[in-house]
Amino acid sequence: MILVADIGGSRTRLGCAGDASLENVVIADTPKRYEEGLAHLAAYKASLPEMPAAVSVGVAGRITDEKTLLTGH
């Protein structure tokens, strides 16, 4: 199982990818504070029936030749 996360500027989507399936999907508002976001991820991981073998995360942001900038709150 792979824990997958899409952390956007307004919504966070979490799920578990398995053999051609996505389970335990949760969609919630993206917290405004970093610490709240970490607590949300930790609570989600604790609710899973087993420890994920890997984690894949996408975050809102922009990449240019000169710099990288995370967007959102």
N, C-alpha and C. Protein backbone atom coordinates (compact mmCIF):
# COMPACT_ATOMS: atom_id res chain seq x y z
N MET A 1 0.83 -1.17 0.00
CA MET A 1 0.00 0.00 0.00
C MET A 1 0.88 1.24 0.00
N ILE A 2 0.48 2.23 -0.79
CA ILE A 2 1.19 3.50 -0.87
C ILE A 2 0.24 4.59 -0.40
N LEU A 3 0.66 5.39 0.58
CA LEU A 3 -0.11 6.54 1.00
C LEU A 3 0.12 7.64 -0.02
N VAL A 4 -0.95 8.16 -0.61
CA VAL A 4 -0.84 9.23 -1.60
C VAL A 4 -1.52 10.47 -1.07
N ALA A 5 -0.93 11.62 -1.34
CA ALA A 5 -1.48 12.89 -0.86
C ALA A 5 -1.36 13.94 -1.95
N ASP A 6 -2.40 14.73 -2.10
CA ASP A 6 -2.41 15.89 -2.99
C ASP A 6 -2.76 17.07 -2.09
N ILE A 7 -1.76 17.88 -1.79
CA ILE A 7 -1.95 19.00 -0.87
C ILE A 7 -2.02 20.27 -1.69
N GLY A 8 -3.23 20.77 -1.87
CA GLY A 8 -3.45 21.97 -2.65
C GLY A 8 -3.61 23.19 -1.77
N GLY A 9 -3.79 24.32 -2.41
CA GLY A 9 -3.96 25.57 -1.68
C GLY A 9 -5.24 25.63 -0.88
N SER A 10 -6.28 24.92 -1.32
CA SER A 10 -7.55 24.95 -0.60
C SER A 10 -8.03 23.59 -0.12
N ARG A 11 -7.65 22.52 -0.79
CA ARG A 11 -8.10 21.17 -0.42
C ARG A 11 -6.90 20.21 -0.33
N THR A 12 -7.01 19.27 0.61
CA THR A 12 -6.04 18.19 0.74
C THR A 12 -6.78 16.88 0.49
N ARG A 13 -6.20 16.05 -0.35
CA ARG A 13 -6.78 14.73 -0.65
C ARG A 13 -5.78 13.67 -0.23
N LEU A 14 -6.25 12.71 0.54
CA LEU A 14 -5.42 11.61 1.01
C LEU A 14 -6.07 10.30 0.60
N GLY A 15 -5.25 9.30 0.32
CA GLY A 15 -5.77 7.99 -0.03
C GLY A 15 -4.67 6.95 0.04
N CYS A 16 -5.07 5.71 -0.17
CA CYS A 16 -4.13 4.58 -0.19
C CYS A 16 -4.25 3.89 -1.53
N ALA A 17 -3.14 3.84 -2.23
CA ALA A 17 -3.11 3.17 -3.53
C ALA A 17 -2.64 1.74 -3.33
N GLY A 18 -3.41 0.84 -3.94
CA GLY A 18 -3.06 -0.57 -3.88
C GLY A 18 -2.96 -1.11 -5.29
N ASP A 19 -3.33 -2.33 -5.47
CA ASP A 19 -3.32 -2.95 -6.79
C ASP A 19 -4.46 -2.39 -7.63
N ALA A 20 -4.18 -1.34 -8.39
CA ALA A 20 -5.15 -0.70 -9.29
C ALA A 20 -6.38 -0.18 -8.57
N SER A 21 -6.23 0.24 -7.31
CA SER A 21 -7.36 0.79 -6.58
C SER A 21 -6.89 1.95 -5.69
N LEU A 22 -7.82 2.81 -5.34
CA LEU A 22 -7.57 3.90 -4.41
C LEU A 22 -8.62 3.79 -3.31
N GLU A 23 -8.16 3.62 -2.08
CA GLU A 23 -9.07 3.38 -0.96
C GLU A 23 -8.84 4.39 0.15
N ASN A 24 -9.75 4.38 1.12
CA ASN A 24 -9.64 5.25 2.30
C ASN A 24 -9.44 6.71 1.92
N VAL A 25 -10.17 7.16 0.90
CA VAL A 25 -10.01 8.52 0.41
C VAL A 25 -10.65 9.52 1.39
N VAL A 26 -9.89 10.56 1.69
CA VAL A 26 -10.36 11.65 2.55
C VAL A 26 -10.07 12.95 1.83
N ILE A 27 -11.07 13.83 1.75
CA ILE A 27 -10.89 15.16 1.17
C ILE A 27 -11.27 16.17 2.24
N ALA A 28 -10.37 17.10 2.54
CA ALA A 28 -10.61 18.08 3.59
C ALA A 28 -9.98 19.41 3.20
N ASP A 29 -10.39 20.46 3.89
CA ASP A 29 -9.75 21.76 3.68
C ASP A 29 -8.28 21.66 4.07
N THR A 30 -7.43 22.31 3.30
CA THR A 30 -6.00 22.35 3.64
C THR A 30 -5.82 23.28 4.84
N PRO A 31 -5.21 22.78 5.91
CA PRO A 31 -5.00 23.64 7.08
C PRO A 31 -4.12 24.85 6.74
N LYS A 32 -4.37 25.93 7.44
CA LYS A 32 -3.58 27.15 7.19
C LYS A 32 -2.23 27.12 7.89
N ARG A 33 -2.13 26.32 8.95
CA ARG A 33 -0.86 26.23 9.69
C ARG A 33 -0.19 24.89 9.41
N TYR A 34 1.12 24.95 9.24
CA TYR A 34 1.95 23.77 8.94
C TYR A 34 1.72 22.67 9.98
N GLU A 35 1.71 23.05 11.26
CA GLU A 35 1.57 22.08 12.34
C GLU A 35 0.22 21.36 12.26
N GLU A 36 -0.82 22.08 11.87
CA GLU A 36 -2.14 21.47 11.71
C GLU A 36 -2.13 20.45 10.57
N GLY A 37 -1.42 20.78 9.50
CA GLY A 37 -1.30 19.86 8.37
C GLY A 37 -0.59 18.58 8.77
N LEU A 38 0.49 18.69 9.54
CA LEU A 38 1.22 17.51 10.00
C LEU A 38 0.34 16.66 10.91
N ALA A 39 -0.42 17.31 11.78
CA ALA A 39 -1.32 16.57 12.68
C ALA A 39 -2.39 15.83 11.87
N HIS A 40 -2.89 16.46 10.83
CA HIS A 40 -3.90 15.83 9.97
C HIS A 40 -3.32 14.59 9.29
N LEU A 41 -2.10 14.71 8.76
CA LEU A 41 -1.45 13.56 8.11
C LEU A 41 -1.17 12.44 9.11
N ALA A 42 -0.72 12.80 10.30
CA ALA A 42 -0.44 11.79 11.33
C ALA A 42 -1.71 11.06 11.75
N ALA A 43 -2.81 11.78 11.89
CA ALA A 43 -4.07 11.15 12.28
C ALA A 43 -4.55 10.22 11.17
N TYR A 44 -4.39 10.64 9.92
CA TYR A 44 -4.80 9.79 8.81
C TYR A 44 -3.97 8.50 8.80
N LYS A 45 -2.65 8.64 8.93
CA LYS A 45 -1.77 7.46 8.93
C LYS A 45 -2.12 6.52 10.08
N ALA A 46 -2.43 7.08 11.25
CA ALA A 46 -2.79 6.26 12.41
C ALA A 46 -4.10 5.50 12.20
N SER A 47 -4.97 6.01 11.33
CA SER A 47 -6.25 5.35 11.09
C SER A 47 -6.15 4.18 10.10
N LEU A 48 -5.01 4.02 9.48
CA LEU A 48 -4.86 2.96 8.46
C LEU A 48 -4.68 1.59 9.11
N PRO A 49 -5.15 0.55 8.43
CA PRO A 49 -5.03 -0.80 8.99
C PRO A 49 -3.60 -1.34 8.99
N GLU A 50 -2.75 -0.79 8.16
CA GLU A 50 -1.34 -1.22 8.12
C GLU A 50 -0.45 -0.04 7.76
N MET A 51 0.82 -0.17 8.04
CA MET A 51 1.78 0.88 7.74
C MET A 51 2.02 0.93 6.23
N PRO A 52 1.94 2.12 5.62
CA PRO A 52 2.21 2.21 4.19
C PRO A 52 3.66 1.82 3.87
N ALA A 53 3.85 1.19 2.71
CA ALA A 53 5.20 0.82 2.28
C ALA A 53 5.94 2.03 1.72
N ALA A 54 5.19 3.03 1.26
CA ALA A 54 5.79 4.23 0.68
C ALA A 54 4.79 5.37 0.76
N VAL A 55 5.28 6.57 0.52
CA VAL A 55 4.44 7.77 0.51
C VAL A 55 4.76 8.57 -0.74
N SER A 56 3.71 9.08 -1.39
CA SER A 56 3.87 9.95 -2.55
C SER A 56 3.04 11.20 -2.32
N VAL A 57 3.68 12.37 -2.40
CA VAL A 57 3.00 13.63 -2.08
C VAL A 57 3.17 14.62 -3.23
N GLY A 58 2.08 15.26 -3.58
CA GLY A 58 2.12 16.38 -4.52
C GLY A 58 1.65 17.62 -3.78
N VAL A 59 2.36 18.74 -3.95
CA VAL A 59 1.98 19.98 -3.29
C VAL A 59 1.79 21.08 -4.33
N ALA A 60 0.93 22.03 -4.01
CA ALA A 60 0.71 23.16 -4.90
C ALA A 60 1.98 23.99 -4.95
N GLY A 61 2.42 24.33 -6.13
CA GLY A 61 3.62 25.14 -6.25
C GLY A 61 3.96 25.43 -7.69
N ARG A 62 4.95 26.26 -7.87
CA ARG A 62 5.39 26.65 -9.20
C ARG A 62 6.90 26.46 -9.28
N ILE A 63 7.35 25.90 -10.38
CA ILE A 63 8.79 25.69 -10.59
C ILE A 63 9.19 26.46 -11.83
N THR A 64 10.21 27.29 -11.69
CA THR A 64 10.77 28.02 -12.82
C THR A 64 12.26 27.74 -12.87
N ASP A 65 12.94 28.31 -13.86
CA ASP A 65 14.39 28.14 -13.95
C ASP A 65 15.13 28.80 -12.80
N GLU A 66 14.53 29.83 -12.22
CA GLU A 66 15.24 30.62 -11.23
C GLU A 66 14.94 30.21 -9.78
N LYS A 67 13.69 29.76 -9.52
CA LYS A 67 13.35 29.43 -8.13
C LYS A 67 12.12 28.54 -8.09
N THR A 68 11.88 27.97 -6.92
CA THR A 68 10.69 27.17 -6.66
C THR A 68 9.89 27.87 -5.59
N LEU A 69 8.58 27.93 -5.77
CA LEU A 69 7.72 28.62 -4.83
C LEU A 69 6.50 27.77 -4.52
N LEU A 70 6.29 27.45 -3.23
CA LEU A 70 5.07 26.76 -2.83
C LEU A 70 3.96 27.80 -2.73
N THR A 71 2.81 27.48 -3.26
CA THR A 71 1.69 28.42 -3.22
C THR A 71 0.67 27.96 -2.21
N GLY A 72 -0.37 28.69 -2.06
CA GLY A 72 -1.41 28.35 -1.09
C GLY A 72 -1.34 29.28 0.09
N HIS A 73 -1.63 28.76 1.26
CA HIS A 73 -1.71 29.59 2.47
C HIS A 73 -0.32 29.99 2.85
